Protein backbone atom coordinates (compact mmCIF):
# COMPACT_ATOMS: atom_id res chain seq x y z
CA MET A 1 0.00 0.00 0.00
CA SER A 2 1.36 3.42 -0.93
CA LYS A 3 2.28 5.99 1.68
CA MET A 4 -0.57 8.19 0.43
CA LEU A 5 -3.15 5.48 1.00
CA LYS A 6 -1.78 4.64 4.43
CA ALA A 7 -2.18 8.29 5.36
CA MET A 8 -5.85 8.10 4.44
CA GLU A 9 -6.74 4.97 6.45
CA PRO A 10 -9.65 4.98 8.94
CA GLY A 11 -9.43 7.85 11.40
CA TRP A 12 -8.00 10.36 8.91
CA ARG A 13 -10.84 12.76 9.67
CA GLU A 14 -9.84 12.91 13.32
CA ILE A 15 -6.30 13.99 12.42
CA SER A 16 -5.94 17.69 13.10
CA TRP A 17 -4.18 20.05 10.73
CA GLU A 18 -1.51 20.54 13.40
CA GLN A 19 -0.84 16.79 13.57
CA ALA A 20 -0.74 16.51 9.79
CA LEU A 21 1.61 19.49 9.55
CA ASN A 22 3.96 17.97 12.12
CA ALA A 23 4.14 14.75 10.09
CA ALA A 24 4.95 16.55 6.83
CA SER A 25 8.44 16.94 5.40
CA LEU A 26 10.20 20.13 6.48
CA PRO A 27 10.12 21.87 3.04
CA VAL A 28 6.39 21.25 2.62
CA ALA A 29 5.63 22.17 6.23
CA ARG A 30 7.38 25.51 5.77
CA LEU A 31 5.29 26.32 2.70
CA LEU A 32 2.08 25.37 4.47
CA GLU A 33 3.02 27.44 7.51
CA LYS A 34 3.66 30.42 5.24
CA SER A 35 0.15 30.10 3.82
CA LEU A 36 -1.35 29.73 7.30
CA ASP A 37 0.40 32.96 8.24
CA GLY A 38 -1.44 34.72 5.42
CA ARG A 39 1.60 35.20 3.19
CA ALA A 40 1.09 34.64 -0.53
CA LEU A 41 2.87 31.71 -2.17
CA ASP A 42 4.80 32.32 -5.38
CA PHE A 43 5.10 30.18 -8.50
CA ASP A 44 7.97 27.98 -7.33
CA GLU A 45 6.31 27.40 -3.98
CA GLY A 46 3.00 26.50 -5.59
CA LEU A 47 4.74 24.16 -8.01
CA ALA A 48 6.50 22.37 -5.16
CA LEU A 49 3.11 21.64 -3.58
CA THR A 50 1.78 20.00 -6.76
CA ALA A 51 4.20 17.07 -6.19
CA VAL A 52 3.10 16.12 -2.67
CA GLU A 53 2.48 12.49 -1.73
CA GLY A 54 1.74 10.55 1.45
CA ASP A 55 2.06 12.57 4.65
CA ASP A 56 2.73 15.72 2.62
CA LEU A 57 -0.51 15.25 0.69
CA LEU A 58 -2.45 14.76 3.91
CA ALA A 59 -0.87 17.92 5.33
CA LEU A 60 -1.79 19.91 2.20
CA VAL A 61 -5.39 18.68 2.41
CA LYS A 62 -5.68 19.42 6.11
CA VAL A 63 -4.10 22.88 5.92
CA ALA A 64 -6.31 23.80 2.96
CA ASP A 65 -9.33 22.71 4.98
CA GLU A 66 -8.17 24.84 7.91
CA LEU A 67 -7.78 27.87 5.65
CA ARG A 68 -11.29 27.18 4.38
CA ARG A 69 -12.57 27.15 7.96
CA ARG A 70 -10.82 30.42 8.78
CA THR A 71 -12.14 32.07 5.62
CA VAL A 72 -15.75 30.94 5.30
CA GLY A 73 -16.46 28.83 8.37
CA ASP A 74 -18.08 25.40 8.46
CA ARG A 75 -21.00 26.02 6.13
CA ILE A 76 -21.18 24.27 2.79
CA THR A 77 -23.26 26.29 0.38
CA TYR A 78 -25.30 25.31 -2.66
CA VAL A 79 -27.58 27.15 -5.06
CA VAL A 80 -30.99 26.17 -6.43
CA ASN A 81 -30.58 26.88 -10.13
CA ARG A 82 -31.68 25.82 -13.59
CA ASN A 83 -29.47 25.36 -16.63
CA LEU A 84 -30.93 26.44 -19.96
CA ASN A 85 -29.10 24.70 -22.81
CA PHE A 86 -30.51 26.76 -25.66
CA THR A 87 -28.43 24.97 -28.32
CA ASN A 88 -25.67 22.40 -28.69
CA VAL A 89 -24.72 23.57 -32.20
CA CYS A 90 -21.29 25.18 -32.39
CA ILE A 91 -18.81 26.32 -35.03
CA VAL A 92 -15.73 26.17 -32.80
CA GLY A 93 -14.87 22.46 -33.07
CA CYS A 94 -13.91 22.00 -29.41
CA ALA A 95 -12.06 18.91 -28.17
CA GLU A 96 -14.50 18.64 -25.27
CA VAL A 97 -17.73 16.73 -25.67
CA CYS A 98 -20.00 19.30 -23.98
CA ILE A 99 -20.65 22.93 -24.84
CA GLN A 100 -23.21 24.56 -22.62
CA GLY A 101 -24.59 27.07 -25.08
CA GLY A 102 -22.80 26.62 -28.38
CA LEU A 103 -22.08 29.13 -31.13
CA PRO A 104 -24.52 28.59 -34.00
CA LYS A 105 -23.21 29.85 -37.34
CA ASP A 106 -26.43 31.70 -38.18
CA LEU A 107 -26.88 33.32 -34.76
CA GLN A 108 -28.53 36.73 -34.99
CA GLY A 109 -26.44 39.47 -33.39
CA GLY A 110 -29.12 40.55 -30.95
CA TYR A 111 -30.16 37.06 -29.86
CA TYR A 112 -28.28 36.96 -26.55
CA ALA A 113 -29.75 40.29 -25.42
CA ASP A 114 -33.22 39.35 -26.69
CA LEU A 115 -33.12 36.13 -24.68
CA LEU A 116 -32.25 38.05 -21.53
CA ARG A 117 -35.08 40.52 -22.10
CA ALA A 118 -37.59 37.74 -22.68
CA ILE A 119 -36.67 36.04 -19.41
CA LYS A 120 -36.62 39.25 -17.39
CA THR A 121 -40.00 40.31 -18.80
CA ARG A 122 -41.55 37.14 -17.38
CA LEU A 123 -39.39 36.86 -14.26
CA PRO A 124 -38.03 40.31 -13.40
CA GLU A 125 -36.55 39.26 -10.03
CA LEU A 126 -34.61 36.32 -11.45
CA HIS A 127 -30.80 36.51 -11.42
CA ILE A 128 -29.47 35.46 -14.83
CA HIS A 129 -25.99 33.93 -14.89
CA ALA A 130 -25.19 33.57 -18.57
CA TYR A 131 -22.78 33.79 -21.50
CA SER A 132 -19.17 32.74 -21.23
CA PRO A 133 -16.37 34.98 -22.56
CA MET A 134 -16.45 32.86 -25.73
CA GLU A 135 -20.11 33.67 -26.32
CA ILE A 136 -19.56 37.34 -25.51
CA VAL A 137 -16.74 37.66 -28.05
CA TYR A 138 -18.96 35.90 -30.59
CA GLY A 139 -21.70 38.40 -29.82
CA THR A 140 -19.36 41.33 -30.47
CA GLU A 141 -18.38 39.77 -33.79
CA LYS A 142 -22.00 39.28 -34.80
CA THR A 143 -23.05 42.80 -33.83
CA GLY A 144 -19.86 44.71 -34.63
CA MET A 145 -20.11 46.39 -31.24
CA ALA A 146 -17.18 47.26 -28.98
CA LEU A 147 -16.72 44.87 -26.05
CA HIS A 148 -17.61 47.48 -23.43
CA ASP A 149 -20.76 48.54 -25.28
CA TYR A 150 -21.86 44.97 -25.91
CA LEU A 151 -21.47 44.00 -22.25
CA LEU A 152 -23.32 47.14 -21.20
CA MET A 153 -26.17 46.19 -23.54
CA LEU A 154 -26.34 42.72 -21.98
CA LYS A 155 -26.31 44.19 -18.48
CA GLU A 156 -29.12 46.57 -19.34
CA ALA A 157 -31.05 43.64 -20.85
CA GLY A 158 -30.85 41.77 -17.54
CA LEU A 159 -27.50 39.99 -17.32
CA GLY A 160 -26.57 39.53 -13.67
CA SER A 161 -23.27 37.64 -13.84
CA ILE A 162 -21.27 35.53 -16.28
CA PRO A 163 -19.67 32.09 -16.05
CA GLY A 164 -15.90 32.29 -16.31
CA THR A 165 -15.79 29.25 -18.53
CA ALA A 166 -13.88 28.90 -21.81
CA ALA A 167 -10.84 29.41 -19.55
CA GLU A 168 -9.65 25.78 -19.86
CA ILE A 169 -5.97 26.41 -19.09
CA LEU A 170 -4.88 30.02 -19.52
CA ASP A 171 -1.87 29.16 -21.65
CA ASP A 172 -2.07 29.68 -25.41
CA ALA A 173 0.13 26.68 -26.26
CA VAL A 174 -2.14 24.32 -24.31
CA ARG A 175 -5.25 26.01 -25.70
CA ARG A 176 -4.07 25.36 -29.26
CA GLU A 177 -3.92 21.65 -28.43
CA LEU A 178 -7.39 21.63 -26.89
CA SER A 179 -9.24 23.77 -29.40
CA PRO A 180 -7.33 26.06 -31.76
CA ASN A 181 -10.46 28.07 -32.62
CA LYS A 182 -11.22 29.10 -29.06
CA LEU A 183 -10.36 32.40 -27.44
CA LYS A 184 -6.78 33.44 -26.88
CA VAL A 185 -5.78 34.04 -23.28
CA ARG A 186 -5.72 37.80 -23.85
CA GLN A 187 -9.30 37.77 -25.14
CA TRP A 188 -10.54 35.83 -22.11
CA ILE A 189 -8.84 38.25 -19.76
CA ASP A 190 -10.19 41.27 -21.65
CA VAL A 191 -13.79 40.03 -21.38
CA ILE A 192 -13.46 39.23 -17.68
CA ARG A 193 -11.85 42.56 -16.83
CA ALA A 194 -14.41 44.48 -18.89
CA ALA A 195 -17.31 42.66 -17.23
CA HIS A 196 -15.92 43.26 -13.76
CA GLY A 197 -15.36 46.91 -14.64
CA LEU A 198 -19.07 47.23 -15.43
CA GLY A 199 -20.06 45.62 -12.14
CA ILE A 200 -20.84 42.24 -13.72
CA PRO A 201 -19.29 39.56 -11.49
CA SER A 202 -18.12 36.22 -12.81
CA THR A 203 -17.00 32.81 -11.74
CA CYS A 204 -13.60 31.52 -12.81
CA THR A 205 -12.69 27.98 -13.80
CA MET A 206 -9.80 25.73 -14.73
CA MET A 207 -10.00 22.48 -16.67
CA TYR A 208 -7.37 19.93 -15.72
CA GLY A 209 -6.57 16.31 -16.53
CA HIS A 210 -5.85 16.61 -20.28
CA THR A 211 -2.58 17.79 -21.86
CA GLU A 212 -1.56 20.31 -19.22
CA ARG A 213 1.17 19.90 -16.59
CA PRO A 214 1.24 21.01 -12.92
CA GLU A 215 3.10 24.20 -13.78
CA HIS A 216 0.10 25.21 -15.88
CA TRP A 217 -2.19 24.84 -12.84
CA VAL A 218 0.01 27.18 -10.84
CA ARG A 219 0.34 29.83 -13.55
CA HIS A 220 -3.41 29.70 -14.17
CA LEU A 221 -4.23 30.19 -10.48
CA LEU A 222 -1.72 33.00 -10.07
CA LEU A 223 -3.15 34.78 -13.11
CA LEU A 224 -6.62 34.58 -11.59
CA ARG A 225 -5.17 35.95 -8.35
CA GLU A 226 -3.67 38.92 -10.18
CA ILE A 227 -6.97 39.72 -11.90
CA GLN A 228 -8.83 39.47 -8.60
CA LYS A 229 -6.38 41.85 -6.94
CA ASP A 230 -7.44 44.49 -9.43
CA THR A 231 -11.14 43.81 -9.94
CA ARG A 232 -12.51 41.82 -7.01
CA GLY A 233 -15.08 40.52 -9.47
CA PHE A 234 -14.67 36.74 -9.12
CA THR A 235 -17.31 35.14 -6.91
CA GLU A 236 -15.75 31.66 -6.88
CA PHE A 237 -13.20 29.36 -8.45
CA VAL A 238 -14.36 26.06 -9.95
CA PRO A 239 -11.87 23.30 -10.85
CA LEU A 240 -13.26 21.16 -13.69
CA GLY A 241 -11.83 17.70 -14.34
CA PHE A 242 -11.40 16.88 -18.04
CA ILE A 243 -14.00 14.43 -19.36
CA HIS A 244 -11.99 12.31 -21.74
CA SER A 245 -13.97 9.29 -22.88
CA GLN A 246 -15.86 10.74 -25.84
CA THR A 247 -13.32 13.31 -27.01
CA ALA A 248 -11.21 13.15 -30.15
CA LEU A 249 -8.37 14.61 -28.10
CA PHE A 250 -8.21 11.46 -25.98
CA ARG A 251 -9.05 8.97 -28.72
CA THR A 252 -6.14 10.20 -30.83
CA GLY A 253 -3.72 9.88 -27.93
CA ARG A 254 -3.19 13.60 -27.37
CA ALA A 255 -4.63 13.74 -23.85
CA ARG A 256 -4.52 11.59 -20.74
CA ALA A 257 -7.60 9.85 -19.38
CA GLY A 258 -8.82 12.62 -17.14
CA SER A 259 -7.62 13.43 -13.65
CA SER A 260 -6.57 11.03 -10.90
CA LEU A 261 -8.05 11.30 -7.43
CA ARG A 262 -4.74 12.62 -6.16
CA GLU A 263 -4.90 15.40 -8.75
CA ASP A 264 -8.46 16.25 -7.72
CA LEU A 265 -7.38 16.70 -4.11
CA VAL A 266 -4.21 18.61 -4.97
CA VAL A 267 -5.96 21.00 -7.37
CA HIS A 268 -8.74 21.89 -4.92
CA ALA A 269 -6.34 22.25 -1.99
CA LEU A 270 -3.79 24.21 -4.01
CA ALA A 271 -6.52 26.58 -5.18
CA ARG A 272 -7.43 27.30 -1.57
CA LEU A 273 -3.82 28.14 -0.73
CA LEU A 274 -2.91 30.18 -3.82
CA LEU A 275 -6.19 32.12 -3.86
CA HIS A 276 -6.31 32.65 -0.09
CA GLY A 277 -7.25 36.20 0.73
CA TYR A 278 -8.58 36.89 -2.76
CA ILE A 279 -11.24 34.38 -3.85
CA PRO A 280 -13.03 33.00 -0.78
CA ASN A 281 -15.20 30.36 -2.44
CA ILE A 282 -13.90 27.14 -3.99
CA GLN A 283 -16.62 25.09 -5.66
CA VAL A 284 -16.68 21.37 -6.39
CA SER A 285 -18.23 20.13 -9.61
CA TRP A 286 -20.37 17.18 -8.53
CA VAL A 287 -21.21 16.40 -12.14
CA LYS A 288 -17.49 15.82 -12.72
CA LEU A 289 -16.39 14.28 -9.43
CA GLY A 290 -19.49 12.38 -8.36
CA PHE A 291 -20.79 12.67 -4.81
CA GLU A 292 -18.03 10.86 -2.97
CA GLY A 293 -15.28 12.66 -4.86
CA SER A 294 -17.02 15.95 -4.16
CA LEU A 295 -17.26 15.20 -0.44
CA ALA A 296 -13.54 14.40 -0.43
CA CYS A 297 -12.68 17.74 -2.04
CA LEU A 298 -15.05 19.55 0.32
CA GLN A 299 -12.65 18.33 3.01
CA ALA A 300 -9.63 19.54 1.05
CA GLY A 301 -10.34 23.26 0.95
CA ALA A 302 -13.57 23.57 -1.05
CA ASN A 303 -16.73 25.03 0.49
CA ASP A 304 -19.44 25.07 -2.18
CA PHE A 305 -21.42 22.13 -3.62
CA SER A 306 -22.53 23.92 -6.81
CA GLY A 307 -26.16 23.87 -7.98
CA THR A 308 -29.18 21.64 -8.33
CA LEU A 309 -29.16 21.90 -12.17
CA MET A 310 -32.85 21.38 -12.91
CA GLU A 311 -33.30 19.76 -16.33
CA GLU A 312 -29.68 20.13 -17.45
CA SER A 313 -29.53 18.08 -20.64
CA ILE A 314 -26.14 18.21 -22.30
CA SER A 315 -24.36 16.17 -19.65
CA LYS A 316 -26.83 13.30 -19.93
CA ALA A 317 -26.66 13.39 -23.71
CA ALA A 318 -22.90 12.96 -23.40
CA GLY A 319 -23.34 9.84 -21.25
CA ALA A 320 -22.99 11.27 -17.75
CA ASP A 321 -23.95 9.31 -14.66
CA PHE A 322 -24.38 12.62 -12.85
CA GLY A 323 -25.53 16.03 -13.98
CA GLU A 324 -29.29 15.98 -14.33
CA TYR A 325 -30.70 17.01 -10.95
CA VAL A 326 -30.01 16.83 -7.24
CA SER A 327 -32.68 18.08 -4.86
CA PRO A 328 -31.84 20.60 -2.13
CA GLY A 329 -32.70 17.98 0.48
CA GLU A 330 -30.23 15.54 -1.07
CA PHE A 331 -27.51 18.20 -1.03
CA ARG A 332 -28.15 18.86 2.65
CA ALA A 333 -28.10 15.16 3.54
CA LEU A 334 -24.78 14.71 1.73
CA ILE A 335 -23.30 17.74 3.48
CA ARG A 336 -24.25 16.36 6.90
CA THR A 337 -22.30 13.14 6.24
CA ILE A 338 -19.09 15.15 6.69
CA VAL A 339 -20.45 17.00 9.75
CA ARG A 340 -20.84 20.39 8.11
CA THR A 341 -23.78 22.81 8.02
CA PRO A 342 -25.75 23.22 4.76
CA ALA A 343 -26.72 26.68 3.57
CA GLU A 344 -28.61 27.77 0.47
CA ARG A 345 -27.06 30.76 -1.32
CA THR A 346 -27.73 33.03 -4.26
CA THR A 347 -25.55 33.11 -7.38
CA THR A 348 -23.47 35.88 -5.83
CA TYR A 349 -23.11 34.07 -2.47
CA ARG A 350 -25.66 35.91 -0.39
CA ILE A 351 -26.91 33.36 2.15
CA ARG A 352 -30.63 32.72 1.77
CA LYS A 353 -31.07 30.17 4.55
CA VAL A 354 -28.89 28.17 6.93
CA PHE A 355 -30.14 24.69 7.86
CA GLU A 356 -28.84 24.12 11.37
CA GLN A 357 -31.08 21.09 11.89
CA ALA A 358 -32.03 18.30 9.50
CA ASP A 359 -35.58 18.26 8.15
CA ALA A 360 -37.94 15.77 6.52
CA GLU A 361 -36.77 16.66 3.00
CA GLU A 362 -33.23 15.49 3.63
CA ARG A 363 -32.31 12.12 2.17
CA LEU A 364 -29.21 10.71 0.55
CA PRO A 365 -29.34 10.26 -3.23
CA LEU A 366 -30.40 6.83 -4.42
CA GLY A 367 -27.46 4.47 -4.72
CA ILE A 368 -25.12 6.22 -2.33
CA MET A 369 -26.64 5.05 0.97
CA SER A 370 -25.00 1.63 0.78
CA ARG A 371 -21.61 3.30 0.40
CA MET A 372 -21.96 5.81 3.21
CA SER A 373 -20.82 3.34 5.87
CA ARG A 374 -17.47 3.24 4.10
CA MET A 375 -17.08 7.00 3.84
CA SER A 376 -15.14 7.16 7.12
CA ARG A 377 -12.10 5.81 5.28
CA MET A 378 -12.74 8.04 2.26
CA PRO A 379 -13.19 5.10 -0.15
CA VAL A 380 -12.60 7.25 -3.21
CA LEU A 381 -8.99 7.39 -2.06
CA ALA A 382 -8.64 3.63 -2.06
CA ALA A 383 -7.66 3.50 -5.72
CA THR A 384 -4.93 5.10 -7.78
CA GLY A 385 -7.42 6.82 -10.05
CA HIS A 386 -11.06 7.10 -11.01
CA ALA A 387 -13.11 7.63 -14.12
CA PRO A 388 -14.35 11.22 -14.24
CA ILE A 389 -18.00 11.93 -14.80
CA THR A 390 -19.09 13.75 -17.94
CA GLY A 391 -20.46 17.14 -16.99
CA ILE A 392 -20.90 20.75 -17.93
CA GLY A 393 -19.15 24.08 -17.62
CA TYR A 394 -19.83 26.78 -15.04
């Protein structure tokens, strides 16, 4: 049994961050102590943490979880939301199997704004979280409008916030491997900064588990940190494991078979450390990780369980086991299995309700109850890897 797996044997939850830190190697312990002291880690320090194994991995996970506790407390939030997949037609030719909205060739320039107006006319109080930087750039091309003016039009039509997807890895060489027709890094940054400048907040994401290397994770996270220093417009960071099985990128041997469990833990924990003091919310993607993987990462620095995804369709069409719908009661029941307090939030992280006590609506999702008795030893860590779940962007 590997040192990493031994570190995660029964009783790992009862190990304090102090105990884990004391068992770590001196170089790793020093880096973790620096982060606990509130001092920002640099590129070389972040890169060193991507290689942790065994006791060092456990220390990274535990320290990230402690930073999470200090930053946002012991609540795990979720949002009741609905995904509208208005089309899956796209001209970009992406290497990923799922595109949440798509870029139809014959799209009318005013369509995105018209869609917002139609929704707000019927539901004026609804917060609309829509249009990735890729779609926004496409909208400027279709209308001929300047980026600032186009975003202002969308805001006036009812846009509340945007998903920071189409980020993949913010490195142009990697992006050319994934999808050469997608945005350049500079374009993605320009859209995000322009949106934030107009008071339109966004999420931010990173896709991992394909052709990238650990140094790309660190550069990506540090770039997000630099943007957030200036704009304070990111509401959360969402790591997204690459879904490999139905992609040409994987079938032609140009990408690995998604992320390992170790990578999932390292990426979520590293995000907590590198973004500490700047982006308070780290979200798990349950449609990518599954429930048990999500619960593991929620104990490795993450604090948000994502959304209920009513009637989301693209993930299921791509063959996902997860991604269609989870009820609020199921979210709360899952959260209580790791002794944390569920709270429903809005898109922009205003708390709507805290559920201090369980209620009659809470039940574990079908199929997971038989596995819950084994959760004390974090069974998802009992293998060297796992098959990621096909999902969607955020």
